[in-house]
C-alpha cells in the first residue's frame, strides 16, 4: 500500500493549502514554512490576552485563547476559509493537533473543561 501511495503522490502530490508547494511526508495540510510564517497569538502565555478580554463581563471563564492572529488575506484566513467553506475535514484535524500542542505547552490550560469552536454564522452558511 505504501508503494501505491508513493506512486500516486508522483501524479497527485499533497499541496500546502497556502503556498501550493508539495508537502513533505511529515507535513499535513500546511507546509512547515507557511506554518512558521503564520502569526501566532500570545494567548497561551498571557492569562489576560485579547481573546479573554473580549469575554469580560459576558461569560465567566478562567482562560480563553486563539491559536492564530487573523489578518485579511493572510495565512490564517486561508486556513480558516478552507475549514469553513471547502469542507476541509483534514484541516480541522490538523488545527486540532496544533491547538492540542499549544494547550499542552501552556500552564494556563491544565484543567480544561470545554473547548468551544467558533461556529459558521448562519448568513454565511446559506451561501
Foldseek 3Di string as FASTA:
>chain_A
DVVVVVVVCVVVAQAQLQPRHGEDPVDFNHHPVLVVVFAFACQLPDQDGPQVVVCVPPDDDRGDGDGGDDDVVGPVVSLVCCVQPVVCPRSVVVVVVSVVVSLVVGPSNPDDDDDDDDDDDPVVVVD
